[in-house]
């Protein structure tokens, strides 16, 4: 089986079908050469100053940088890419009222790094999704991803039939793609970073989305406190968690957390944050009790 790449004019239905069938898909050419080069330039100072990882999961010859929305502002455009957002929302929406940003992370795999241990990203949450899609990641290629420099390994359809910790590497394929392309894969898919057997670095940016009621990989409110987040577009503010997740999850002083960024008074009235169905049910119940 080979990676299927989709052109920029393919439909949401086609994207979603491939994602649900195989657990992943590659979207070619979402960034042009100039955009990919500009992104690389924004990331480079942070990748240079950050020490290499220390751990068998994160790697010993790998560099990772989080909090990219403020460190490399072009990442904001990636996080809000219309095609990606539409696909993520379509995949995750059945499991939640709204999705939120799980993480942003630049990953540079240096020469000599071994292949990462196969894993499912949804292993971080100690619960069973029971067939629902709780999370989705997008690996943006900042440099070309090749078979020799560590392109992501993927076990097709392993989101349907779960694999153990040591799946057969012969059954994996690699997400080979050009800089500016994006590999989209489900959090329930077994995957791993590939081994870098080349003499050059492989650099990508992974942006994760998850159900809005889950604890995130990256604590967004620490990465982007009020004095930082207040300058983001409102769509991005809400995506990183400055919003309610109905019913009544994640409020601030009984209000929608977006009000915190607008310097609202913490002494305002508590307001309901209910899905329409629950709101209608309660209205009927209260009316009948009069």
Protein backbone atom coordinates (compact mmCIF):
# COMPACT_ATOMS: atom_id res chain seq x y z
CA UNK A 1 0.00 0.00 0.00
CA UNK A 2 1.30 3.49 -0.82
CA UNK A 3 0.45 6.91 0.56
CA UNK A 4 -2.36 8.55 -1.38
CA UNK A 5 -1.76 12.25 -1.96
CA UNK A 6 -4.72 14.53 -2.54
CA UNK A 7 -4.64 17.72 -4.57
CA UNK A 8 -5.66 21.09 -3.13
CA UNK A 9 -9.10 21.05 -4.80
CA UNK A 10 -10.35 17.75 -3.38
CA UNK A 11 -13.52 17.86 -1.31
CA UNK A 12 -14.03 17.52 2.42
CA UNK A 13 -16.00 14.34 1.80
CA UNK A 14 -13.06 12.80 -0.02
CA UNK A 15 -10.61 13.81 2.69
CA UNK A 16 -12.84 12.43 5.43
CA UNK A 17 -13.46 9.17 3.59
CA UNK A 18 -9.73 8.50 3.18
CA UNK A 19 -9.00 9.47 6.77
CA UNK A 20 -11.69 7.22 8.21
CA UNK A 21 -10.75 4.34 5.91
CA UNK A 22 -6.96 4.32 6.25
CA UNK A 23 -6.41 6.45 9.35
CA UNK A 24 -4.30 8.99 7.47
CA UNK A 25 -3.86 10.91 4.22
CA UNK A 26 -1.30 13.27 2.66
CA UNK A 27 -2.35 16.66 1.32
CA UNK A 28 0.19 17.87 -1.21
CA UNK A 29 1.26 21.46 -1.72
CA UNK A 30 -0.76 23.24 0.97
CA UNK A 31 2.18 25.64 1.31
CA UNK A 32 4.13 27.01 -1.64
CA UNK A 33 7.92 27.13 -1.66
CA UNK A 34 8.07 30.68 -0.35
CA UNK A 35 5.74 29.92 2.56
CA UNK A 36 7.67 26.77 3.47
CA UNK A 37 10.96 28.68 3.42
CA UNK A 38 9.52 31.48 5.57
CA UNK A 39 8.26 28.94 8.09
CA UNK A 40 11.68 27.28 8.21
CA UNK A 41 13.32 30.66 8.85
CA UNK A 42 11.00 31.40 11.80
CA UNK A 43 11.64 28.00 13.37
CA UNK A 44 15.39 27.83 12.91
CA UNK A 45 16.49 30.07 15.83
CA UNK A 46 14.35 28.07 18.25
CA UNK A 47 15.58 24.74 16.92
CA UNK A 48 19.17 25.91 17.21
CA UNK A 49 18.90 27.11 20.82
CA UNK A 50 16.89 24.14 22.14
CA UNK A 51 18.81 21.14 23.56
CA UNK A 52 18.15 17.72 22.12
CA UNK A 53 15.55 15.52 23.76
CA UNK A 54 16.34 13.08 26.54
CA UNK A 55 14.20 9.96 26.51
CA UNK A 56 13.40 6.77 24.67
CA UNK A 57 10.07 8.17 23.49
CA UNK A 58 11.03 11.72 22.51
CA UNK A 59 14.39 10.56 21.19
CA UNK A 60 18.05 11.24 21.92
CA UNK A 61 18.96 12.70 18.52
CA UNK A 62 15.78 14.70 18.12
CA UNK A 63 14.99 18.34 18.88
CA UNK A 64 11.46 19.41 19.85
CA UNK A 65 10.09 22.92 20.37
CA UNK A 66 6.57 23.65 21.66
CA UNK A 67 4.51 26.84 21.97
CA UNK A 68 4.90 27.73 18.30
CA UNK A 69 1.93 30.06 17.92
CA UNK A 70 3.94 32.89 19.45
CA UNK A 71 7.48 31.71 18.65
CA UNK A 72 6.85 31.18 14.94
CA UNK A 73 3.72 33.23 14.04
CA UNK A 74 3.30 31.54 10.64
CA UNK A 75 2.22 28.45 12.59
CA UNK A 76 -0.99 30.32 13.40
CA UNK A 77 -1.90 30.07 9.73
CA UNK A 78 -1.23 26.33 9.77
CA UNK A 79 -3.39 25.82 12.85
CA UNK A 80 -6.25 27.74 11.23
CA UNK A 81 -5.85 26.34 7.71
CA UNK A 82 -9.45 26.10 6.39
CA UNK A 83 -9.10 22.69 4.82
CA UNK A 84 -7.44 21.23 7.90
CA UNK A 85 -9.92 22.78 10.33
CA UNK A 86 -12.87 21.54 8.31
CA UNK A 87 -11.47 18.01 8.24
CA UNK A 88 -10.54 18.00 11.93
CA UNK A 89 -13.96 19.32 12.92
CA UNK A 90 -15.77 16.77 10.76
CA UNK A 91 -13.74 13.93 12.28
CA UNK A 92 -13.82 14.97 15.95
CA UNK A 93 -17.19 16.79 16.26
CA UNK A 94 -19.25 13.63 16.92
CA UNK A 95 -17.27 13.14 20.16
CA UNK A 96 -17.61 16.64 21.60
CA UNK A 97 -19.28 20.04 21.58
CA UNK A 98 -16.15 21.69 20.18
CA UNK A 99 -12.56 20.71 19.55
CA UNK A 100 -9.46 22.45 20.84
CA UNK A 101 -5.77 22.64 20.09
CA UNK A 102 -3.86 19.76 21.65
CA UNK A 103 -0.34 20.89 20.78
CA UNK A 104 2.03 22.62 18.40
CA UNK A 105 5.53 21.19 18.14
CA UNK A 106 8.46 21.49 15.79
CA UNK A 107 10.29 18.18 15.46
CA UNK A 108 13.77 17.87 13.98
CA UNK A 109 15.10 14.35 13.57
CA UNK A 110 18.87 14.45 13.32
CA UNK A 111 21.07 11.93 11.46
CA UNK A 112 21.53 8.77 13.48
CA UNK A 113 18.20 8.92 15.30
CA UNK A 114 16.62 5.47 15.52
CA UNK A 115 13.01 4.88 14.57
CA UNK A 116 10.65 5.93 17.34
CA UNK A 117 8.69 3.32 19.27
CA UNK A 118 5.33 2.64 17.56
CA UNK A 119 2.47 4.19 19.48
CA UNK A 120 -1.03 5.68 19.36
CA UNK A 121 -1.33 9.30 20.50
CA UNK A 122 -4.61 8.48 22.21
CA UNK A 123 -2.65 6.33 24.68
CA UNK A 124 -2.07 9.53 26.70
CA UNK A 125 -5.70 9.42 27.87
CA UNK A 126 -6.57 6.47 30.15
CA UNK A 127 -9.93 5.72 28.58
CA UNK A 128 -11.30 3.86 25.59
CA UNK A 129 -12.76 6.02 22.78
CA UNK A 130 -15.08 3.11 21.87
CA UNK A 131 -14.79 3.79 18.16
CA UNK A 132 -15.02 7.56 18.41
CA UNK A 133 -12.31 9.86 17.07
CA UNK A 134 -10.92 11.90 19.95
CA UNK A 135 -7.86 13.40 18.30
CA UNK A 136 -6.19 14.15 15.01
CA UNK A 137 -2.68 15.32 14.17
CA UNK A 138 -1.23 17.13 11.18
CA UNK A 139 2.46 16.80 10.41
CA UNK A 140 3.52 19.70 8.18
CA UNK A 141 6.68 19.02 6.19
CA UNK A 142 9.13 21.91 6.64
CA UNK A 143 11.79 19.94 4.77
CA UNK A 144 11.22 17.06 2.37
CA UNK A 145 10.24 13.82 4.14
CA UNK A 146 12.01 10.84 2.56
CA UNK A 147 12.37 7.14 3.28
CA UNK A 148 15.94 7.67 4.50
CA UNK A 149 15.64 10.87 6.58
CA UNK A 150 12.91 9.80 8.98
CA UNK A 151 9.55 10.19 7.26
CA UNK A 152 6.76 9.18 9.63
CA UNK A 153 5.99 5.46 9.73
CA UNK A 154 2.31 4.53 9.53
CA UNK A 155 0.46 1.25 10.02
CA UNK A 156 -2.57 1.61 7.73
CA UNK A 157 -5.98 0.98 9.29
CA UNK A 158 -4.49 0.28 12.71
CA UNK A 159 -7.04 2.73 14.13
CA UNK A 160 -9.60 0.00 13.46
CA UNK A 161 -7.63 -3.05 14.56
CA UNK A 162 -5.33 -1.98 17.36
CA UNK A 163 -1.76 -3.21 17.32
CA UNK A 164 0.59 -3.99 20.20
CA UNK A 165 3.80 -2.19 21.09
CA UNK A 166 5.83 -4.13 18.50
CA UNK A 167 3.87 -4.25 15.22
CA UNK A 168 5.55 -5.79 12.19
CA UNK A 169 7.66 -3.03 10.58
CA UNK A 170 7.13 -4.73 7.22
CA UNK A 171 3.47 -3.72 7.42
CA UNK A 172 4.29 -0.03 7.83
CA UNK A 173 4.57 2.57 5.11
CA UNK A 174 6.25 5.96 5.29
CA UNK A 175 4.64 9.37 4.84
CA UNK A 176 6.99 10.52 2.09
CA UNK A 177 6.13 14.07 1.02
CA UNK A 178 7.59 17.33 -0.22
CA UNK A 179 8.11 20.43 1.93
CA UNK A 180 4.84 22.32 2.21
CA UNK A 181 2.72 19.15 2.27
CA UNK A 182 0.78 17.85 5.27
CA UNK A 183 0.28 14.35 6.64
CA UNK A 184 -3.03 14.08 8.51
CA UNK A 185 -3.47 11.07 10.81
CA UNK A 186 -5.82 9.98 13.54
CA UNK A 187 -4.77 9.79 17.18
CA UNK A 188 -5.83 6.15 17.21
CA UNK A 189 -3.45 5.19 14.38
CA UNK A 190 -0.24 3.37 15.24
CA UNK A 191 2.68 5.39 13.93
CA UNK A 192 6.18 6.58 14.78
CA UNK A 193 8.95 8.85 13.63
CA UNK A 194 11.19 7.07 11.15
CA UNK A 195 14.93 6.43 11.47
CA UNK A 196 17.16 9.11 9.98
CA UNK A 197 19.76 7.19 7.98
CA UNK A 198 20.72 10.24 5.90
CA UNK A 199 23.30 12.95 6.53
CA UNK A 200 20.76 15.78 6.85
CA UNK A 201 18.09 16.85 9.35
CA UNK A 202 14.38 16.20 8.80
CA UNK A 203 12.14 18.98 10.12
CA UNK A 204 8.39 19.08 10.54
CA UNK A 205 5.71 20.84 12.56
CA UNK A 206 3.00 18.74 14.16
CA UNK A 207 -0.27 20.42 15.12
CA UNK A 208 -2.74 18.37 17.12
CA UNK A 209 -6.48 18.80 17.66
CA UNK A 210 -8.59 16.96 20.21
CA UNK A 211 -12.04 16.82 21.76
CA UNK A 212 -12.59 19.96 23.80
CA UNK A 213 -13.18 18.13 27.09
CA UNK A 214 -9.82 16.33 27.12
CA UNK A 215 -6.70 17.41 29.02
CA UNK A 216 -4.24 18.53 26.34
CA UNK A 217 -0.68 17.36 25.68
CA UNK A 218 0.49 20.96 25.89
CA UNK A 219 -1.00 23.23 28.56
CA UNK A 220 -2.25 26.02 26.32
CA UNK A 221 -2.90 28.56 29.09
CA UNK A 222 0.74 28.36 30.19
CA UNK A 223 2.05 28.47 26.63
CA UNK A 224 -0.22 31.44 25.77
CA UNK A 225 -1.29 33.38 28.88
CA UNK A 226 -3.62 36.36 28.61
CA UNK A 227 -0.97 38.92 27.67
CA UNK A 228 0.02 36.72 24.71
CA UNK A 229 -3.31 35.19 23.69
CA UNK A 230 -5.19 38.52 23.66
CA UNK A 231 -3.34 39.41 20.45
CA UNK A 232 -4.35 36.23 18.63
CA UNK A 233 -7.30 36.16 16.22
CA UNK A 234 -10.48 35.24 18.10
CA UNK A 235 -10.79 31.97 16.19
CA UNK A 236 -7.36 30.99 17.48
CA UNK A 237 -8.15 32.17 21.02
CA UNK A 238 -11.15 29.89 21.11
CA UNK A 239 -9.21 27.01 19.55
CA UNK A 240 -6.57 27.06 22.29
CA UNK A 241 -9.27 26.84 24.95
CA UNK A 242 -10.54 30.33 25.73
CA UNK A 243 -14.09 29.11 25.25
CA UNK A 244 -16.75 27.05 26.96
CA UNK A 245 -17.24 23.42 26.15
CA UNK A 246 -20.92 22.79 26.69
CA UNK A 247 -22.33 21.74 29.10
CA UNK A 248 -20.54 24.05 31.52
CA UNK A 249 -16.95 22.84 31.13
CA UNK A 250 -14.01 25.23 31.32
CA UNK A 251 -15.76 28.40 32.42
CA UNK A 252 -14.16 31.45 34.03
CA UNK A 253 -16.07 32.97 36.94
CA UNK A 254 -19.25 31.51 35.47
CA UNK A 255 -18.59 33.14 32.09
CA UNK A 256 -17.21 32.17 28.71
CA UNK A 257 -13.39 32.26 29.11
CA UNK A 258 -13.10 34.53 26.07
CA UNK A 259 -14.33 37.30 28.39
CA UNK A 260 -11.13 36.91 30.44
CA UNK A 261 -9.16 38.10 27.41
CA UNK A 262 -11.49 41.10 27.15
CA UNK A 263 -10.85 42.19 30.74
CA UNK A 264 -14.41 41.47 31.83
CA UNK A 265 -15.29 41.76 35.50
CA UNK A 266 -14.84 38.54 37.49
CA UNK A 267 -17.96 39.48 39.46
CA UNK A 268 -20.45 38.99 36.64
CA UNK A 269 -23.45 36.65 36.78
CA UNK A 270 -22.96 32.94 36.21
CA UNK A 271 -24.49 31.97 32.86
CA UNK A 272 -25.57 28.61 31.53
CA UNK A 273 -23.49 27.04 28.78
CA UNK A 274 -25.75 24.25 27.56
CA UNK A 275 -26.21 22.40 24.29
CA UNK A 276 -29.53 23.29 22.64
CA UNK A 277 -31.10 19.92 23.42
CA UNK A 278 -30.34 20.14 27.15
CA UNK A 279 -31.38 23.80 27.28
CA UNK A 280 -34.75 22.92 25.70
CA UNK A 281 -35.23 19.97 28.07
CA UNK A 282 -34.57 22.13 31.13
CA UNK A 283 -36.85 24.90 29.87
CA UNK A 284 -39.68 22.43 29.46
CA UNK A 285 -39.02 20.91 32.87
CA UNK A 286 -38.97 24.27 34.64
CA UNK A 287 -42.12 25.44 32.85
CA UNK A 288 -44.00 22.31 33.92
CA UNK A 289 -42.98 22.78 37.55
CA UNK A 290 -44.54 26.26 37.91
